[in-house]
């Protein structure tokens, strides 16, 4: 089916490097922005805007409802939900999306699902996860929404952070995947490994970000390491959907997940 593999940053003896990459990603901007006091290092000043993805507008992130705040949250990861898609999600198909989300337990963790449970939640063509993916992609309507696999993965990861992993080109390259087609299956297999879960948990603890889901730890460490291979000007640092360009707060250029 696929020759996908664990990203190098998580496969060998690079745990210390992974810790430092996470600390860099979730760190605070130094110095403060113009107008800030010298000691103003509030949570609103992350180096990478994506550091706020999981916690942004937490009071507007109900588990079984897609909200305007969710659409803004994926913008922190450098992608934009087109207007037509936003209207579909928030108005036309809002009830349908909520119904499918309600079939996915917010407490489910990808690596703890049996094969049968994985198929019933995400892997099977009749599973709520599969139906949500197709709905958000607009596969069952005649209107082009402009929402690709990257935006879709980020929206679903916002709603089910312990269950749905984020996919983009950097993640795909690091794992030997050419698209998101087998991503969920591969991630389920990888996250079912107690050794990997223990490693990610240890890396998360040493980085001081215990509240971040393990799937996000996997994502950020992989993206941060892989993106270093494609410096600005290489021709590989961005794409039409801009899934790999996260705004660096206070900068004009883009760099990040």
Protein backbone atom coordinates (compact mmCIF):
# COMPACT_ATOMS: atom_id res chain seq x y z
CA UNK A 1 0.00 0.00 0.00
CA UNK A 2 2.68 2.50 0.99
CA UNK A 3 6.30 2.73 2.03
CA UNK A 4 5.54 5.42 4.60
CA UNK A 5 7.80 5.65 7.62
CA UNK A 6 8.41 7.52 10.84
CA UNK A 7 9.98 10.98 10.30
CA UNK A 8 13.75 11.03 10.94
CA UNK A 9 13.40 13.57 13.75
CA UNK A 10 11.34 11.01 15.70
CA UNK A 11 12.96 7.79 14.57
CA UNK A 12 16.46 7.84 16.02
CA UNK A 13 18.56 9.57 18.64
CA UNK A 14 17.36 13.12 17.93
CA UNK A 15 15.04 13.54 20.90
CA UNK A 16 17.06 16.45 22.29
CA UNK A 17 16.81 18.20 18.94
CA UNK A 18 13.06 17.60 18.86
CA UNK A 19 12.75 19.17 22.32
CA UNK A 20 14.64 22.26 21.18
CA UNK A 21 12.53 22.57 18.05
CA UNK A 22 9.35 22.46 20.11
CA UNK A 23 10.71 25.03 22.52
CA UNK A 24 11.57 27.27 19.59
CA UNK A 25 8.12 26.86 18.07
CA UNK A 26 6.20 27.49 21.28
CA UNK A 27 8.54 30.20 22.53
CA UNK A 28 7.74 33.87 22.96
CA UNK A 29 8.82 36.69 20.69
CA UNK A 30 11.92 38.57 21.83
CA UNK A 31 12.04 41.53 21.98
CA UNK A 32 8.39 42.59 22.52
CA UNK A 33 6.64 44.33 19.65
CA UNK A 34 6.83 48.14 19.34
CA UNK A 35 4.68 49.75 21.98
CA UNK A 36 4.96 46.87 24.45
CA UNK A 37 6.55 47.42 27.80
CA UNK A 38 9.95 45.82 28.37
CA UNK A 39 8.45 43.06 30.48
CA UNK A 40 5.45 42.34 28.23
CA UNK A 41 5.89 38.70 27.16
CA UNK A 42 2.21 37.72 27.21
CA UNK A 43 0.81 34.63 25.46
CA UNK A 44 -0.32 36.91 22.64
CA UNK A 45 3.29 37.24 21.49
CA UNK A 46 4.34 33.79 20.24
CA UNK A 47 7.17 33.46 17.76
CA UNK A 48 4.97 31.29 15.53
CA UNK A 49 1.29 32.11 15.29
CA UNK A 50 0.54 28.37 15.10
CA UNK A 51 1.62 28.05 18.71
CA UNK A 52 -1.85 29.40 19.54
CA UNK A 53 -3.72 27.00 17.23
CA UNK A 54 -4.80 24.61 19.99
CA UNK A 55 -5.76 27.25 22.53
CA UNK A 56 -7.04 30.13 20.37
CA UNK A 57 -10.56 31.22 21.40
CA UNK A 58 -11.00 28.09 23.49
CA UNK A 59 -14.42 29.27 24.69
CA UNK A 60 -15.57 29.31 21.05
CA UNK A 61 -14.48 25.76 20.25
CA UNK A 62 -17.40 23.50 21.19
CA UNK A 63 -16.61 19.86 20.37
CA UNK A 64 -19.55 19.24 18.05
CA UNK A 65 -19.85 22.53 16.21
CA UNK A 66 -17.72 24.26 13.59
CA UNK A 67 -17.48 27.96 14.45
CA UNK A 68 -16.03 31.15 12.95
CA UNK A 69 -13.26 30.88 15.56
CA UNK A 70 -12.26 27.50 14.10
CA UNK A 71 -11.90 29.04 10.65
CA UNK A 72 -9.74 31.79 12.15
CA UNK A 73 -7.69 29.23 14.07
CA UNK A 74 -6.55 27.43 10.92
CA UNK A 75 -5.41 30.82 9.67
CA UNK A 76 -2.81 30.71 12.44
CA UNK A 77 -1.36 27.76 10.50
CA UNK A 78 -1.01 29.81 7.35
CA UNK A 79 -4.10 28.70 5.42
CA UNK A 80 -7.28 30.51 4.46
CA UNK A 81 -10.78 29.09 4.27
CA UNK A 82 -12.40 30.67 1.18
CA UNK A 83 -15.60 32.65 1.65
CA UNK A 84 -17.84 30.23 -0.23
CA UNK A 85 -16.53 27.37 1.89
CA UNK A 86 -17.04 29.34 5.10
CA UNK A 87 -20.70 29.96 4.20
CA UNK A 88 -21.18 26.27 3.42
CA UNK A 89 -19.63 25.20 6.72
CA UNK A 90 -21.27 27.79 8.98
CA UNK A 91 -24.69 28.07 7.39
CA UNK A 92 -25.68 25.64 4.64
CA UNK A 93 -24.16 22.43 6.08
CA UNK A 94 -23.68 23.44 9.69
CA UNK A 95 -26.17 20.93 11.06
CA UNK A 96 -24.75 18.11 8.94
CA UNK A 97 -21.21 18.82 10.16
CA UNK A 98 -22.38 18.93 13.79
CA UNK A 99 -24.13 15.60 13.38
CA UNK A 100 -21.00 13.92 12.08
CA UNK A 101 -18.83 15.48 14.76
CA UNK A 102 -21.20 14.17 17.41
CA UNK A 103 -20.40 10.65 16.19
CA UNK A 104 -16.71 11.15 17.00
CA UNK A 105 -15.96 11.00 20.73
CA UNK A 106 -13.78 14.03 21.65
CA UNK A 107 -11.86 11.85 24.11
CA UNK A 108 -10.81 9.26 21.52
CA UNK A 109 -7.06 9.10 20.93
CA UNK A 110 -5.82 7.81 17.59
CA UNK A 111 -3.16 5.48 18.95
CA UNK A 112 -5.50 3.81 21.43
CA UNK A 113 -8.09 2.77 18.86
CA UNK A 114 -8.27 -0.88 17.87
CA UNK A 115 -8.26 -1.59 14.14
CA UNK A 116 -12.01 -2.10 14.26
CA UNK A 117 -12.56 1.16 16.14
CA UNK A 118 -10.30 3.03 13.72
CA UNK A 119 -12.29 1.72 10.77
CA UNK A 120 -15.59 2.67 12.38
CA UNK A 121 -14.46 6.21 13.23
CA UNK A 122 -12.04 7.25 10.47
CA UNK A 123 -10.93 4.52 8.11
CA UNK A 124 -14.15 3.10 6.69
CA UNK A 125 -15.99 4.74 3.80
CA UNK A 126 -19.10 4.94 5.98
CA UNK A 127 -17.28 6.27 9.04
CA UNK A 128 -18.11 9.79 10.32
CA UNK A 129 -14.49 10.86 9.87
CA UNK A 130 -14.45 9.83 6.22
CA UNK A 131 -17.79 11.53 5.61
CA UNK A 132 -16.56 14.72 7.28
CA UNK A 133 -13.44 14.73 5.13
CA UNK A 134 -15.49 14.42 1.94
CA UNK A 135 -18.01 17.03 3.10
CA UNK A 136 -15.36 19.63 3.90
CA UNK A 137 -13.56 18.91 0.63
CA UNK A 138 -16.89 19.44 -1.15
CA UNK A 139 -16.74 16.08 -2.88
CA UNK A 140 -20.50 15.56 -2.81
CA UNK A 141 -21.63 18.92 -4.19
CA UNK A 142 -21.21 20.69 -7.53
CA UNK A 143 -19.75 23.85 -5.99
CA UNK A 144 -15.95 24.20 -5.93
CA UNK A 145 -15.03 25.20 -2.38
CA UNK A 146 -11.28 25.59 -2.81
CA UNK A 147 -10.57 23.50 0.28
CA UNK A 148 -7.77 20.98 -0.19
CA UNK A 149 -6.36 18.20 1.94
CA UNK A 150 -4.25 20.53 4.06
CA UNK A 151 -7.03 22.90 5.11
CA UNK A 152 -9.33 19.94 5.70
CA UNK A 153 -6.83 18.19 7.95
CA UNK A 154 -6.29 21.35 9.97
CA UNK A 155 -10.01 21.99 10.44
CA UNK A 156 -10.58 18.42 11.61
CA UNK A 157 -7.50 18.54 13.84
CA UNK A 158 -8.92 21.67 15.47
CA UNK A 159 -12.12 19.78 16.35
CA UNK A 160 -10.52 16.43 17.24
CA UNK A 161 -6.90 17.20 18.23
CA UNK A 162 -6.27 13.76 19.76
CA UNK A 163 -7.78 11.86 16.85
CA UNK A 164 -7.04 13.59 13.54
CA UNK A 165 -3.44 14.44 12.55
CA UNK A 166 -2.46 17.45 10.46
CA UNK A 167 -1.16 16.83 6.95
CA UNK A 168 0.87 19.09 4.67
CA UNK A 169 3.66 18.69 2.13
CA UNK A 170 6.41 18.78 4.74
CA UNK A 171 4.70 16.05 6.75
CA UNK A 172 4.20 14.03 3.60
CA UNK A 173 7.84 14.34 2.54
CA UNK A 174 9.09 13.45 6.01
CA UNK A 175 6.92 10.33 6.07
CA UNK A 176 7.34 9.22 2.47
CA UNK A 177 3.75 10.07 1.54
CA UNK A 178 2.82 11.68 -1.76
CA UNK A 179 -0.63 12.74 -0.56
CA UNK A 180 -2.94 12.47 2.42
CA UNK A 181 -4.62 9.33 1.02
CA UNK A 182 -3.02 6.89 3.48
CA UNK A 183 -2.04 9.40 6.14
CA UNK A 184 -4.64 8.41 8.73
CA UNK A 185 -3.89 4.71 8.31
CA UNK A 186 -0.14 5.24 8.69
CA UNK A 187 -0.54 7.56 11.67
CA UNK A 188 -2.81 5.06 13.38
CA UNK A 189 -0.17 2.37 12.94
CA UNK A 190 2.62 4.64 14.19
CA UNK A 191 0.70 6.02 17.17
CA UNK A 192 -0.26 2.49 18.22
CA UNK A 193 3.38 1.97 19.18
CA UNK A 194 3.89 2.36 22.96
CA UNK A 195 7.52 3.28 22.28
CA UNK A 196 6.56 6.23 20.07
CA UNK A 197 3.88 7.42 22.50
CA UNK A 198 6.43 7.26 25.33
CA UNK A 199 8.96 9.19 23.25
CA UNK A 200 6.47 11.90 22.28
CA UNK A 201 5.29 12.19 25.88
CA UNK A 202 8.87 12.57 27.11
CA UNK A 203 9.69 15.14 24.41
CA UNK A 204 6.55 17.10 25.26
CA UNK A 205 7.37 17.09 28.97
CA UNK A 206 10.97 18.20 28.48
CA UNK A 207 9.81 20.98 26.14
CA UNK A 208 7.41 22.20 28.85
CA UNK A 209 4.25 21.96 26.76
CA UNK A 210 2.31 19.26 28.58
CA UNK A 211 -1.07 20.61 27.46
CA UNK A 212 -0.35 20.10 23.75
CA UNK A 213 -1.83 16.93 22.17
CA UNK A 214 0.70 14.25 21.20
CA UNK A 215 -0.43 14.40 17.57
CA UNK A 216 0.49 18.08 17.55
CA UNK A 217 3.88 17.29 19.11
CA UNK A 218 4.47 14.84 16.26
CA UNK A 219 3.30 17.43 13.74
CA UNK A 220 5.32 20.40 15.01
CA UNK A 221 8.57 18.49 15.54
CA UNK A 222 8.30 16.97 12.07
CA UNK A 223 7.33 20.18 10.33
CA UNK A 224 10.00 22.26 12.07
CA UNK A 225 12.74 19.79 11.14
CA UNK A 226 11.56 19.22 7.58
CA UNK A 227 10.97 22.89 6.77
CA UNK A 228 14.63 23.63 7.50
CA UNK A 229 15.49 21.64 4.37
CA UNK A 230 13.64 24.16 2.20
CA UNK A 231 14.95 27.67 2.93
CA UNK A 232 13.29 30.74 1.41
CA UNK A 233 14.05 30.99 -2.30
CA UNK A 234 14.42 27.25 -2.79
CA UNK A 235 11.14 27.05 -4.69
CA UNK A 236 9.84 24.41 -2.26
CA UNK A 237 8.82 26.53 0.67
CA UNK A 238 5.27 27.30 -0.44
CA UNK A 239 2.41 26.10 -2.62
CA UNK A 240 -0.89 27.41 -3.97
CA UNK A 241 -2.74 26.40 -0.83
CA UNK A 242 0.10 27.82 1.30
CA UNK A 243 -0.12 24.99 3.83
CA UNK A 244 3.45 25.38 4.99
CA UNK A 245 3.67 29.12 5.44
CA UNK A 246 2.73 30.24 8.89
CA UNK A 247 2.94 33.91 9.68
CA UNK A 248 5.71 34.87 12.05
CA UNK A 249 4.04 37.42 14.28
CA UNK A 250 5.37 40.88 13.59
CA UNK A 251 7.09 39.92 10.33
CA UNK A 252 6.11 40.54 6.72
CA UNK A 253 7.32 37.21 5.43
CA UNK A 254 5.82 33.82 6.16
CA UNK A 255 7.55 30.90 7.78
CA UNK A 256 5.94 28.05 9.57
CA UNK A 257 3.33 25.35 9.65
